[in-house]
Amino acid sequence: MAPGAKEVTVVNGQPAGCEKRGEVEVSVKDSVAFYDRNPLRVQEELETLARNEAPGMGADTVQPLAPPHDGGQRFAAWKCK
Protein backbone atom coordinates (compact mmCIF):
# COMPACT_ATOMS: atom_id res chain seq x y z
CA MET A 1 0.00 0.00 0.00
CA ALA A 2 1.22 3.48 -0.87
CA PRO A 3 1.89 6.14 1.80
CA GLY A 4 -1.38 7.63 3.02
CA ALA A 5 -3.50 4.86 1.49
CA LYS A 6 -4.15 3.14 4.83
CA GLU A 7 -6.20 6.15 5.94
CA VAL A 8 -8.44 6.00 2.84
CA THR A 9 -11.91 4.58 3.47
CA VAL A 10 -13.89 2.50 0.97
CA VAL A 11 -17.66 3.16 1.07
CA ASN A 12 -20.46 1.51 -0.90
CA GLY A 13 -22.88 4.44 -1.14
CA GLN A 14 -22.28 8.07 -1.99
CA PRO A 15 -20.88 9.75 1.12
CA ALA A 16 -22.81 12.71 2.53
CA GLY A 17 -21.16 16.08 3.05
CA CYS A 18 -18.10 15.25 0.96
CA GLU A 19 -16.42 17.01 -1.95
CA LYS A 20 -15.87 14.95 -5.10
CA ARG A 21 -12.21 15.04 -6.15
CA GLY A 22 -12.52 13.00 -9.34
CA GLU A 23 -12.63 9.42 -10.58
CA VAL A 24 -10.03 6.71 -10.95
CA GLU A 25 -10.06 3.53 -13.01
CA VAL A 26 -7.92 0.60 -11.87
CA SER A 27 -7.36 -2.89 -13.23
CA VAL A 28 -5.72 -6.21 -12.39
CA LYS A 29 -5.55 -9.59 -14.10
CA ASP A 30 -8.76 -11.47 -13.37
CA SER A 31 -7.58 -14.68 -15.00
CA VAL A 32 -4.28 -16.45 -15.51
CA ALA A 33 -4.04 -18.70 -18.55
CA PHE A 34 -7.34 -20.63 -18.47
CA TYR A 35 -8.03 -20.13 -14.77
CA ASP A 36 -10.25 -17.41 -13.35
CA ARG A 37 -8.93 -15.80 -10.17
CA ASN A 38 -10.98 -15.62 -6.98
CA PRO A 39 -13.42 -12.70 -7.48
CA LEU A 40 -13.06 -11.55 -3.85
CA ARG A 41 -9.27 -11.39 -4.20
CA VAL A 42 -9.61 -9.42 -7.45
CA GLN A 43 -12.02 -6.97 -5.77
CA GLU A 44 -9.66 -6.57 -2.80
CA GLU A 45 -6.75 -5.76 -5.12
CA LEU A 46 -8.86 -3.23 -7.06
CA GLU A 47 -9.84 -1.48 -3.83
CA THR A 48 -6.19 -1.36 -2.75
CA LEU A 49 -5.17 0.21 -6.06
CA ALA A 50 -7.97 2.79 -5.77
CA ARG A 51 -6.91 3.59 -2.20
CA ASN A 52 -3.33 4.05 -3.43
CA GLU A 53 -4.50 6.66 -5.97
CA ALA A 54 -6.73 8.65 -3.58
CA PRO A 55 -4.07 10.59 -1.59
CA GLY A 56 -2.59 11.97 -4.82
CA MET A 57 -6.02 13.40 -5.66
CA GLY A 58 -6.47 14.91 -2.22
CA ALA A 59 -9.16 12.33 -1.39
CA ASP A 60 -9.67 10.30 1.77
CA THR A 61 -12.61 8.15 0.64
CA VAL A 62 -13.27 6.04 -2.46
CA GLN A 63 -16.59 4.71 -3.69
CA PRO A 64 -16.97 1.98 -6.33
CA LEU A 65 -19.14 3.25 -9.20
CA ALA A 66 -19.90 -0.22 -10.59
CA PRO A 67 -18.99 -3.82 -9.81
CA PRO A 68 -15.66 -5.14 -11.12
CA HIS A 69 -15.78 -6.20 -14.77
CA ASP A 70 -13.02 -8.04 -16.67
CA GLY A 71 -10.50 -7.12 -13.98
CA GLY A 72 -11.26 -3.38 -14.01
CA GLN A 73 -13.33 -1.02 -11.88
CA ARG A 74 -14.06 2.71 -11.63
CA PHE A 75 -14.10 4.54 -8.31
CA ALA A 76 -15.17 8.07 -7.30
CA ALA A 77 -12.68 9.83 -5.03
CA TRP A 78 -14.04 12.03 -2.23
CA LYS A 79 -12.63 14.41 0.39
CA CYS A 80 -14.74 13.92 3.52
CA LYS A 81 -12.57 14.77 6.54
C-alpha atoms as a PDB file:
ATOM      1  CA  MET A   1       0.000   0.000   0.000  1.00  0.00           C
ATOM      2  CA  ALA A   2       1.218   3.483  -0.870  1.00  0.00           C
ATOM      3  CA  PRO A   3       1.893   6.136   1.803  1.00  0.00           C
ATOM      4  CA  GLY A   4      -1.379   7.633   3.024  1.00  0.00           C
ATOM      5  CA  ALA A   5      -3.503   4.863   1.485  1.00  0.00           C
ATOM      6  CA  LYS A   6      -4.147   3.143   4.826  1.00  0.00           C
ATOM      7  CA  GLU A   7      -6.204   6.152   5.943  1.00  0.00           C
ATOM      8  CA  VAL A   8      -8.443   6.004   2.842  1.00  0.00           C
ATOM      9  CA  THR A   9     -11.910   4.582   3.473  1.00  0.00           C
ATOM     10  CA  VAL A  10     -13.893   2.504   0.968  1.00  0.00           C
ATOM     11  CA  VAL A  11     -17.660   3.162   1.066  1.00  0.00           C
ATOM     12  CA  ASN A  12     -20.457   1.508  -0.895  1.00  0.00           C
ATOM     13  CA  GLY A  13     -22.885   4.439  -1.142  1.00  0.00           C
ATOM     14  CA  GLN A  14     -22.279   8.075  -1.989  1.00  0.00           C
ATOM     15  CA  PRO A  15     -20.881   9.747   1.125  1.00  0.00           C
ATOM     16  CA  ALA A  16     -22.808  12.714   2.527  1.00  0.00           C
ATOM     17  CA  GLY A  17     -21.164  16.085   3.051  1.00  0.00           C
ATOM     18  CA  CYS A  18     -18.100  15.246   0.959  1.00  0.00           C
ATOM     19  CA  GLU A  19     -16.420  17.006  -1.949  1.00  0.00           C
ATOM     20  CA  LYS A  20     -15.867  14.947  -5.103  1.00  0.00           C
ATOM     21  CA  ARG A  21     -12.207  15.038  -6.145  1.00  0.00           C
ATOM     22  CA  GLY A  22     -12.516  12.996  -9.344  1.00  0.00           C
ATOM     23  CA  GLU A  23     -12.633   9.422 -10.578  1.00  0.00           C
ATOM     24  CA  VAL A  24     -10.033   6.714 -10.955  1.00  0.00           C
ATOM     25  CA  GLU A  25     -10.061   3.526 -13.014  1.00  0.00           C
ATOM     26  CA  VAL A  26      -7.924   0.604 -11.869  1.00  0.00           C
ATOM     27  CA  SER A  27      -7.365  -2.889 -13.231  1.00  0.00           C
ATOM     28  CA  VAL A  28      -5.717  -6.209 -12.391  1.00  0.00           C
ATOM     29  CA  LYS A  29      -5.547  -9.589 -14.098  1.00  0.00           C
ATOM     30  CA  ASP A  30      -8.765 -11.470 -13.371  1.00  0.00           C
ATOM     31  CA  SER A  31      -7.575 -14.681 -15.003  1.00  0.00           C
ATOM     32  CA  VAL A  32      -4.276 -16.454 -15.510  1.00  0.00           C
ATOM     33  CA  ALA A  33      -4.044 -18.705 -18.555  1.00  0.00           C
ATOM     34  CA  PHE A  34      -7.344 -20.632 -18.468  1.00  0.00           C
ATOM     35  CA  TYR A  35      -8.034 -20.135 -14.773  1.00  0.00           C
ATOM     36  CA  ASP A  36     -10.247 -17.406 -13.349  1.00  0.00           C
ATOM     37  CA  ARG A  37      -8.933 -15.801 -10.168  1.00  0.00           C
ATOM     38  CA  ASN A  38     -10.981 -15.623  -6.977  1.00  0.00           C
ATOM     39  CA  PRO A  39     -13.422 -12.704  -7.483  1.00  0.00           C
ATOM     40  CA  LEU A  40     -13.057 -11.555  -3.854  1.00  0.00           C
ATOM     41  CA  ARG A  41      -9.269 -11.393  -4.198  1.00  0.00           C
ATOM     42  CA  VAL A  42      -9.606  -9.419  -7.452  1.00  0.00           C
ATOM     43  CA  GLN A  43     -12.018  -6.973  -5.769  1.00  0.00           C
ATOM     44  CA  GLU A  44      -9.661  -6.574  -2.797  1.00  0.00           C
ATOM     45  CA  GLU A  45      -6.750  -5.756  -5.120  1.00  0.00           C
ATOM     46  CA  LEU A  46      -8.862  -3.232  -7.061  1.00  0.00           C
ATOM     47  CA  GLU A  47      -9.835  -1.480  -3.825  1.00  0.00           C
ATOM     48  CA  THR A  48      -6.187  -1.364  -2.747  1.00  0.00           C
ATOM     49  CA  LEU A  49      -5.171   0.207  -6.060  1.00  0.00           C
ATOM     50  CA  ALA A  50      -7.966   2.794  -5.773  1.00  0.00           C
ATOM     51  CA  ARG A  51      -6.915   3.588  -2.203  1.00  0.00           C
ATOM     52  CA  ASN A  52      -3.329   4.045  -3.435  1.00  0.00           C
ATOM     53  CA  GLU A  53      -4.502   6.662  -5.974  1.00  0.00           C
ATOM     54  CA  ALA A  54      -6.725   8.648  -3.583  1.00  0.00           C
ATOM     55  CA  PRO A  55      -4.068  10.585  -1.595  1.00  0.00           C
ATOM     56  CA  GLY A  56      -2.585  11.967  -4.823  1.00  0.00           C
ATOM     57  CA  MET A  57      -6.017  13.400  -5.657  1.00  0.00           C
ATOM     58  CA  GLY A  58      -6.474  14.913  -2.219  1.00  0.00           C
ATOM     59  CA  ALA A  59      -9.155  12.327  -1.387  1.00  0.00           C
ATOM     60  CA  ASP A  60      -9.669  10.298   1.774  1.00  0.00           C
ATOM     61  CA  THR A  61     -12.614   8.155   0.643  1.00  0.00           C
ATOM     62  CA  VAL A  62     -13.265   6.045  -2.461  1.00  0.00           C
ATOM     63  CA  GLN A  63     -16.594   4.713  -3.693  1.00  0.00           C
ATOM     64  CA  PRO A  64     -16.967   1.983  -6.331  1.00  0.00           C
ATOM     65  CA  LEU A  65     -19.139   3.249  -9.195  1.00  0.00           C
ATOM     66  CA  ALA A  66     -19.901  -0.215 -10.589  1.00  0.00           C
ATOM     67  CA  PRO A  67     -18.993  -3.822  -9.811  1.00  0.00           C
ATOM     68  CA  PRO A  68     -15.660  -5.140 -11.116  1.00  0.00           C
ATOM     69  CA  HIS A  69     -15.776  -6.197 -14.774  1.00  0.00           C
ATOM     70  CA  ASP A  70     -13.022  -8.041 -16.666  1.00  0.00           C
ATOM     71  CA  GLY A  71     -10.500  -7.123 -13.978  1.00  0.00           C
ATOM     72  CA  GLY A  72     -11.264  -3.383 -14.014  1.00  0.00           C
ATOM     73  CA  GLN A  73     -13.328  -1.021 -11.884  1.00  0.00           C
ATOM     74  CA  ARG A  74     -14.062   2.710 -11.626  1.00  0.00           C
ATOM     75  CA  PHE A  75     -14.105   4.542  -8.313  1.00  0.00           C
ATOM     76  CA  ALA A  76     -15.169   8.065  -7.303  1.00  0.00           C
ATOM     77  CA  ALA A  77     -12.684   9.834  -5.026  1.00  0.00           C
ATOM     78  CA  TRP A  78     -14.041  12.027  -2.234  1.00  0.00           C
ATOM     79  CA  LYS A  79     -12.631  14.415   0.394  1.00  0.00           C
ATOM     80  CA  CYS A  80     -14.739  13.925   3.520  1.00  0.00           C
ATOM     81  CA  LYS A  81     -12.566  14.767   6.539  1.00  0.00           C
END
